[in-house]
Protein backbone atom coordinates (compact mmCIF):
# COMPACT_ATOMS: atom_id res chain seq x y z
CA UNK A 1 0.52 -0.09 -0.30
CA UNK A 2 1.47 3.30 -1.18
CA UNK A 3 0.60 6.02 1.57
CA UNK A 4 0.28 9.86 -0.01
CA UNK A 5 2.06 12.74 1.61
CA UNK A 6 -0.88 13.86 4.00
CA UNK A 7 -1.32 10.19 5.57
CA UNK A 8 2.73 10.20 6.21
CA UNK A 9 2.41 14.09 8.06
CA UNK A 10 -0.45 12.70 10.10
CA UNK A 11 1.76 9.79 10.74
CA UNK A 12 4.40 11.70 11.61
CA UNK A 13 2.89 14.29 14.26
CA UNK A 14 0.99 11.33 15.71
CA UNK A 15 4.03 9.80 16.58
CA UNK A 16 5.82 13.18 17.86
CA UNK A 17 2.42 13.58 19.96
CA UNK A 18 2.61 9.92 21.19
CA UNK A 19 6.32 10.86 22.73
CA UNK A 20 5.38 13.71 24.25
CA UNK A 21 2.63 12.25 26.05
CA UNK A 22 5.50 9.47 26.91
CA UNK A 23 8.09 12.04 28.50
CA UNK A 24 5.66 13.47 30.58
CA UNK A 25 4.28 10.56 32.01
CA UNK A 26 7.80 9.66 32.56
CA UNK A 27 8.64 13.18 34.17
CA UNK A 28 5.41 12.84 36.80
CA UNK A 29 6.70 9.93 38.41
CA UNK A 30 9.85 9.99 38.88
CA UNK A 31 11.53 10.65 42.55
CA UNK A 32 12.27 14.31 43.77
CA UNK A 33 15.63 15.52 43.70
CA UNK A 34 17.88 14.29 45.68
CA UNK A 35 19.94 17.73 45.54
CA UNK A 36 16.53 19.65 47.13
CA UNK A 37 16.55 19.61 50.75
CA UNK A 38 12.64 19.43 51.91
CA UNK A 39 13.74 22.12 54.73
CA UNK A 40 15.17 24.51 52.21
CA UNK A 41 13.21 27.40 53.53
CA UNK A 42 14.37 26.77 56.74
CA UNK A 43 18.64 27.08 55.92
CA UNK A 44 17.58 29.93 53.52
CA UNK A 45 16.29 31.38 56.94
CA UNK A 46 19.44 30.10 58.95
CA UNK A 47 21.99 30.80 56.65
CA UNK A 48 23.19 34.13 58.04
CA UNK A 49 24.21 32.48 61.35
CA UNK A 50 25.79 29.19 59.43
CA UNK A 51 27.66 31.58 57.49
CA UNK A 52 28.85 33.30 60.96
CA UNK A 53 29.90 29.91 62.32
CA UNK A 54 31.88 29.24 59.46
CA UNK A 55 34.13 33.41 59.34
CA UNK A 56 34.89 32.50 63.11
CA UNK A 57 36.10 29.18 61.74
CA UNK A 58 38.65 31.10 59.47
CA UNK A 59 39.47 33.80 61.92
CA UNK A 60 40.31 31.57 64.27
CA UNK A 61 42.05 29.37 62.26
CA UNK A 62 40.52 26.48 64.27
CA UNK A 63 39.29 24.13 60.62
CA UNK A 64 39.95 20.72 62.02
CA UNK A 65 42.46 18.32 60.36
CA UNK A 66 40.60 15.20 58.81
CA UNK A 67 42.24 11.89 57.75
CA UNK A 68 40.70 8.75 56.55
CA UNK A 69 42.27 6.20 57.82
CA UNK A 70 41.33 2.30 57.13
CA UNK A 71 38.55 1.00 59.75
CA UNK A 72 37.98 5.42 60.75
CA UNK A 73 38.17 9.05 59.62
CA UNK A 74 40.03 10.66 62.65
CA UNK A 75 39.45 14.26 63.22
CA UNK A 76 42.52 16.47 65.17
CA UNK A 77 41.52 19.91 65.94
CA UNK A 78 43.35 23.26 67.87
CA UNK A 79 42.08 22.95 71.07
CA UNK A 80 39.39 20.38 73.49
CA UNK A 81 36.04 20.17 71.38
CA UNK A 82 32.92 18.66 71.42
CA UNK A 83 30.45 18.69 68.58
CA UNK A 84 28.56 16.71 66.19
CA UNK A 85 29.60 15.07 62.94
CA UNK A 86 27.03 15.14 59.68
CA UNK A 87 28.19 12.48 57.10
CA UNK A 88 26.52 13.38 53.33
CA UNK A 89 26.20 11.46 50.94
CA UNK A 90 25.86 13.27 47.41
CA UNK A 91 24.57 10.77 45.36
CA UNK A 92 22.20 8.85 48.01
CA UNK A 93 20.40 10.49 50.82
CA UNK A 94 19.53 7.06 52.79
CA UNK A 95 23.07 6.73 53.66
CA UNK A 96 23.63 10.16 55.60
CA UNK A 97 24.66 9.68 59.38
CA UNK A 98 25.07 11.88 62.19
CA UNK A 99 27.61 11.68 64.85
CA UNK A 100 28.25 12.54 67.89
CA UNK A 101 31.77 13.45 69.15
CA UNK A 102 34.29 14.46 71.96
CA UNK A 103 37.32 14.98 71.86
CA UNK A 104 40.48 13.28 73.79
CA UNK A 105 43.33 14.84 75.41
CA UNK A 106 45.40 14.89 72.52
CA UNK A 107 42.48 17.11 71.21
CA UNK A 108 41.52 13.88 68.44
CA UNK A 109 38.39 11.91 67.97
CA UNK A 110 37.95 9.17 65.89
CA UNK A 111 34.55 8.01 63.88
CA UNK A 112 34.48 4.45 62.57
CA UNK A 113 33.78 4.02 59.34
CA UNK A 114 33.69 0.69 58.98
CA UNK A 115 29.93 0.42 57.73
CA UNK A 116 30.58 3.70 55.80
CA UNK A 117 30.43 2.57 52.37
CA UNK A 118 33.27 3.82 49.70
CA UNK A 119 33.40 6.91 47.86
CA UNK A 120 32.85 10.76 48.07
CA UNK A 121 31.37 11.76 51.38
CA UNK A 122 30.93 15.26 53.13
CA UNK A 123 31.46 16.27 56.17
CA UNK A 124 29.24 18.66 57.94
CA UNK A 125 31.12 19.14 61.47
CA UNK A 126 29.69 21.61 63.90
CA UNK A 127 31.73 22.25 67.54
CA UNK A 128 31.98 23.69 70.53
CA UNK A 129 35.46 24.49 71.56
CA UNK A 130 36.35 27.52 74.62
CA UNK A 131 33.18 29.02 74.68
CA UNK A 132 32.63 29.49 70.69
CA UNK A 133 30.83 27.48 67.87
CA UNK A 134 32.07 26.97 64.85
CA UNK A 135 31.07 25.14 61.56
CA UNK A 136 32.99 23.62 58.91
CA UNK A 137 32.35 21.12 55.47
CA UNK A 138 34.87 19.02 54.13
CA UNK A 139 34.53 16.35 51.61
CA UNK A 140 36.64 13.30 52.22
CA UNK A 141 37.06 9.70 49.72
CA UNK A 142 36.86 6.37 51.95
CA UNK A 143 39.06 4.17 50.29
């Protein structure tokens, strides 16, 4: 059977409209972005406080040194500190963890990394030291 130009035009339009409908259905059925926080509005309101804590780290030269060792992540501070570390996996929000810590006499704290998957992680460290509060973010590669 031979088709004329009108039939071919209608078939082309129908196939294009089907393609658009399939893309729209796929878009509505996809899960939301993992990079967007559910509480982004509250984080936006608290941005200035977080910024001030990060600037305090720079002003006091208090950024902790992070060493990734077999089985643990070692945090070395300039002075005695107590706080928490949020361990964030950029690719999977379900793997995020929060660990509380307190430094020893040598101003170190070890975080066990045996249950942490290999790959890139972001450490968000909030701590208090000598009456001041700090916030630092660093990326590490767990091997």
